[in-house]
Amino acid sequence: MEPKKVGWGWRALHWAIILNLLFEVLYAGYMVFFVIVPKGISGPLGSAALQIKPHIMYTRRLYAIEFWIAFAGLALYLALTEMIPRFWSFSVSSSSQESSK
């Protein structure tokens, strides 16, 4: 059973969604770990989180939430559009081969 062929418009939309979500994940991670950092602190905050200004911590948390929402969206989108159809076609082809024996 051959997979359905999709037009270039749907394929372009598919890749635009993937690239948009991937860019959002990279952007939010960049903002959290490289842009919004307190002076003199690099890497994880640890106990220094108690000493930084609240508005910096709120901004970092909002970008971290944005990161996780984009990451979850990308994971769900790839699961629904890439993984499930491949598993479905594999299970259909393997069951048809077993029934023909």
Foldseek 3Di string as FASTA:
>chain_A
DDDDDDDPVVVVVLVVLLVVLVVLLVVLVCCLQPPLDDPPDHDDCPPVVVVDDPVSVVVNVVSVVSNVVSVVVNVVSCCVPPVVVVVVVVVVVVVVVVVVD
